[in-house]
N, C-alpha and C. Protein backbone atom coordinates (compact mmCIF):
# COMPACT_ATOMS: atom_id res chain seq x y z
N MET A 1 152.89 168.90 132.27
CA MET A 1 151.61 168.39 131.70
C MET A 1 151.24 167.13 131.81
N MET A 2 150.91 167.41 133.67
CA MET A 2 149.94 166.08 133.92
C MET A 2 148.37 166.35 133.59
N PRO A 3 148.28 165.15 132.52
CA PRO A 3 146.35 165.42 132.57
C PRO A 3 145.35 165.45 133.90
N ASP A 4 144.39 165.77 133.36
CA ASP A 4 142.99 166.08 134.88
C ASP A 4 142.76 164.53 135.24
N LEU A 5 143.30 164.07 136.61
CA LEU A 5 142.81 162.56 136.34
C LEU A 5 141.71 162.32 137.16
N GLY A 6 140.99 163.59 137.69
CA GLY A 6 139.78 163.61 138.67
C GLY A 6 139.90 162.85 140.01
N LYS A 7 139.18 162.08 140.76
CA LYS A 7 139.53 161.23 140.96
C LYS A 7 139.97 160.31 141.68
N TYR A 8 140.99 159.70 140.76
CA TYR A 8 141.34 158.58 140.16
C TYR A 8 143.19 159.07 140.19
N ALA A 9 143.72 160.40 140.85
CA ALA A 9 145.23 160.74 140.69
C ALA A 9 145.59 160.26 141.82
N GLU A 10 145.26 159.68 142.69
CA GLU A 10 146.04 159.47 143.76
C GLU A 10 146.56 158.35 143.19
N ALA A 11 145.71 157.58 143.20
CA ALA A 11 145.56 156.37 142.20
C ALA A 11 146.82 155.52 141.47
N VAL A 12 146.73 156.59 140.43
CA VAL A 12 147.61 156.26 139.16
C VAL A 12 148.66 157.08 139.53
N ILE A 13 149.27 158.33 140.19
CA ILE A 13 150.66 158.50 140.67
C ILE A 13 151.32 157.50 141.71
N TRP A 14 150.41 156.51 142.35
CA TRP A 14 150.54 155.75 143.31
C TRP A 14 151.28 154.47 142.73
N SER A 15 150.76 153.97 141.79
CA SER A 15 151.17 153.15 140.69
C SER A 15 151.98 153.57 140.10
N TYR A 16 151.79 154.58 139.62
CA TYR A 16 153.48 155.29 138.94
C TYR A 16 154.48 155.18 139.77
N VAL A 17 154.36 155.65 141.21
CA VAL A 17 154.88 155.07 142.28
C VAL A 17 155.95 154.22 142.28
N SER A 18 154.65 153.05 142.85
CA SER A 18 155.05 151.45 143.02
C SER A 18 155.50 150.92 141.99
N THR A 19 155.06 151.03 140.95
CA THR A 19 156.12 150.65 139.57
C THR A 19 157.36 151.39 139.22
N ILE A 20 157.77 151.92 140.11
CA ILE A 20 158.93 152.71 139.18
C ILE A 20 160.27 152.38 140.65
N GLY A 21 159.62 152.11 141.80
CA GLY A 21 160.14 151.75 143.18
C GLY A 21 160.61 150.05 142.42
N LEU A 22 159.61 149.34 142.13
CA LEU A 22 159.53 147.73 142.08
C LEU A 22 160.81 147.51 140.50
N LEU A 23 160.90 148.25 139.98
CA LEU A 23 161.55 148.66 138.25
C LEU A 23 162.97 148.33 139.21
N LEU A 24 163.60 149.51 140.07
CA LEU A 24 164.40 150.22 140.46
C LEU A 24 164.84 149.04 141.54
N GLY A 25 164.14 148.03 141.95
CA GLY A 25 164.63 147.07 142.82
C GLY A 25 165.11 145.93 142.49
N VAL A 26 164.46 145.47 141.33
CA VAL A 26 164.91 144.31 140.03
C VAL A 26 166.34 145.20 139.14
N VAL A 27 166.62 146.31 139.46
CA VAL A 27 167.64 146.64 138.48
C VAL A 27 168.88 146.12 139.57
N VAL A 28 168.58 146.76 141.08
CA VAL A 28 169.57 146.87 141.92
C VAL A 28 169.95 145.03 141.99
N LEU A 29 168.61 144.65 142.63
CA LEU A 29 169.53 142.90 142.62
C LEU A 29 169.57 142.47 141.44
N SER A 30 169.44 142.46 140.23
CA SER A 30 170.33 141.99 139.09
C SER A 30 171.77 142.21 139.75
N VAL A 31 172.38 143.84 139.74
CA VAL A 31 173.34 144.36 139.89
C VAL A 31 174.07 143.50 140.77
N TRP A 32 173.23 143.51 141.82
CA TRP A 32 174.22 142.70 143.04
C TRP A 32 174.21 141.22 142.60
N GLN A 33 173.38 140.70 142.26
CA GLN A 33 172.98 139.30 141.91
C GLN A 33 174.61 139.03 140.95
N GLY A 34 174.50 139.61 139.79
CA GLY A 34 175.51 139.85 138.77
C GLY A 34 177.52 140.32 139.65
N ARG A 35 177.23 140.98 140.35
CA ARG A 35 178.63 141.05 140.73
C ARG A 35 178.65 140.06 141.68
N ARG A 36 178.07 139.27 142.66
CA ARG A 36 178.32 137.95 143.32
C ARG A 36 178.62 136.94 142.46
N VAL A 37 178.06 136.76 141.40
CA VAL A 37 178.21 135.35 140.49
C VAL A 37 179.73 136.14 139.97
N LYS A 38 179.78 137.14 139.53
CA LYS A 38 181.25 137.82 138.92
C LYS A 38 182.22 136.90 139.80
N ARG A 39 181.97 137.54 140.82
CA ARG A 39 182.97 137.02 141.90
C ARG A 39 183.25 135.54 142.55
N SER A 40 182.16 135.07 142.72
CA SER A 40 182.10 133.69 142.20
C SER A 40 182.55 132.72 141.21
N LEU A 41 182.31 133.00 140.07
CA LEU A 41 183.66 133.02 139.45
C LEU A 41 184.83 132.87 139.13
N GLU A 42 185.10 134.35 139.40
CA GLU A 42 186.63 134.32 139.07
C GLU A 42 187.30 133.63 140.35
N GLU A 43 186.53 133.51 141.53
CA GLU A 43 187.70 132.17 142.94
C GLU A 43 187.71 130.82 142.34
N VAL A 44 186.43 130.31 141.50
CA VAL A 44 186.11 128.97 140.76
C VAL A 44 187.38 128.80 140.10
N GLU A 45 187.53 130.24 139.15
CA GLU A 45 188.64 130.44 137.74
C GLU A 45 190.36 129.99 138.40
N ALA A 46 190.26 130.72 139.56
CA ALA A 46 191.53 131.27 140.50
C ALA A 46 191.93 129.52 140.76
N ARG A 47 190.89 129.30 141.69
CA ARG A 47 191.08 127.17 142.02
C ARG A 47 191.66 126.36 140.87
N HIS A 48 190.76 126.80 139.33
CA HIS A 48 190.93 125.50 138.48
C HIS A 48 192.50 125.90 138.00
N GLU A 49 192.67 127.47 137.64
CA GLU A 49 194.46 128.14 137.53
C GLU A 49 195.18 126.88 138.71
N GLU A 50 194.84 126.97 139.32
CA GLU A 50 195.71 126.95 140.79
C GLU A 50 196.11 124.95 140.78
N SER A 51 195.45 124.01 140.42
CA SER A 51 195.24 122.62 140.33
C SER A 51 195.72 122.46 139.39
N ASP A 52 196.14 123.20 137.82
CA ASP A 52 196.35 123.38 136.70
C ASP A 52 197.86 123.55 136.89
N ALA A 53 198.75 124.30 137.45
CA ALA A 53 199.45 124.68 137.64
C ALA A 53 200.91 124.07 138.74
């Protein structure tokens, strides 16, 4: 059910593709950074628990 975009079809499609690609990139980077921060926090907490023991 794609509307007839005429001469603008290619630009509109590439805009959608670019937007979806950028959104996926942001999600992937956010997940990667979240895992990295979680790992770092776990290391800091482990060091803190060792110093308390």
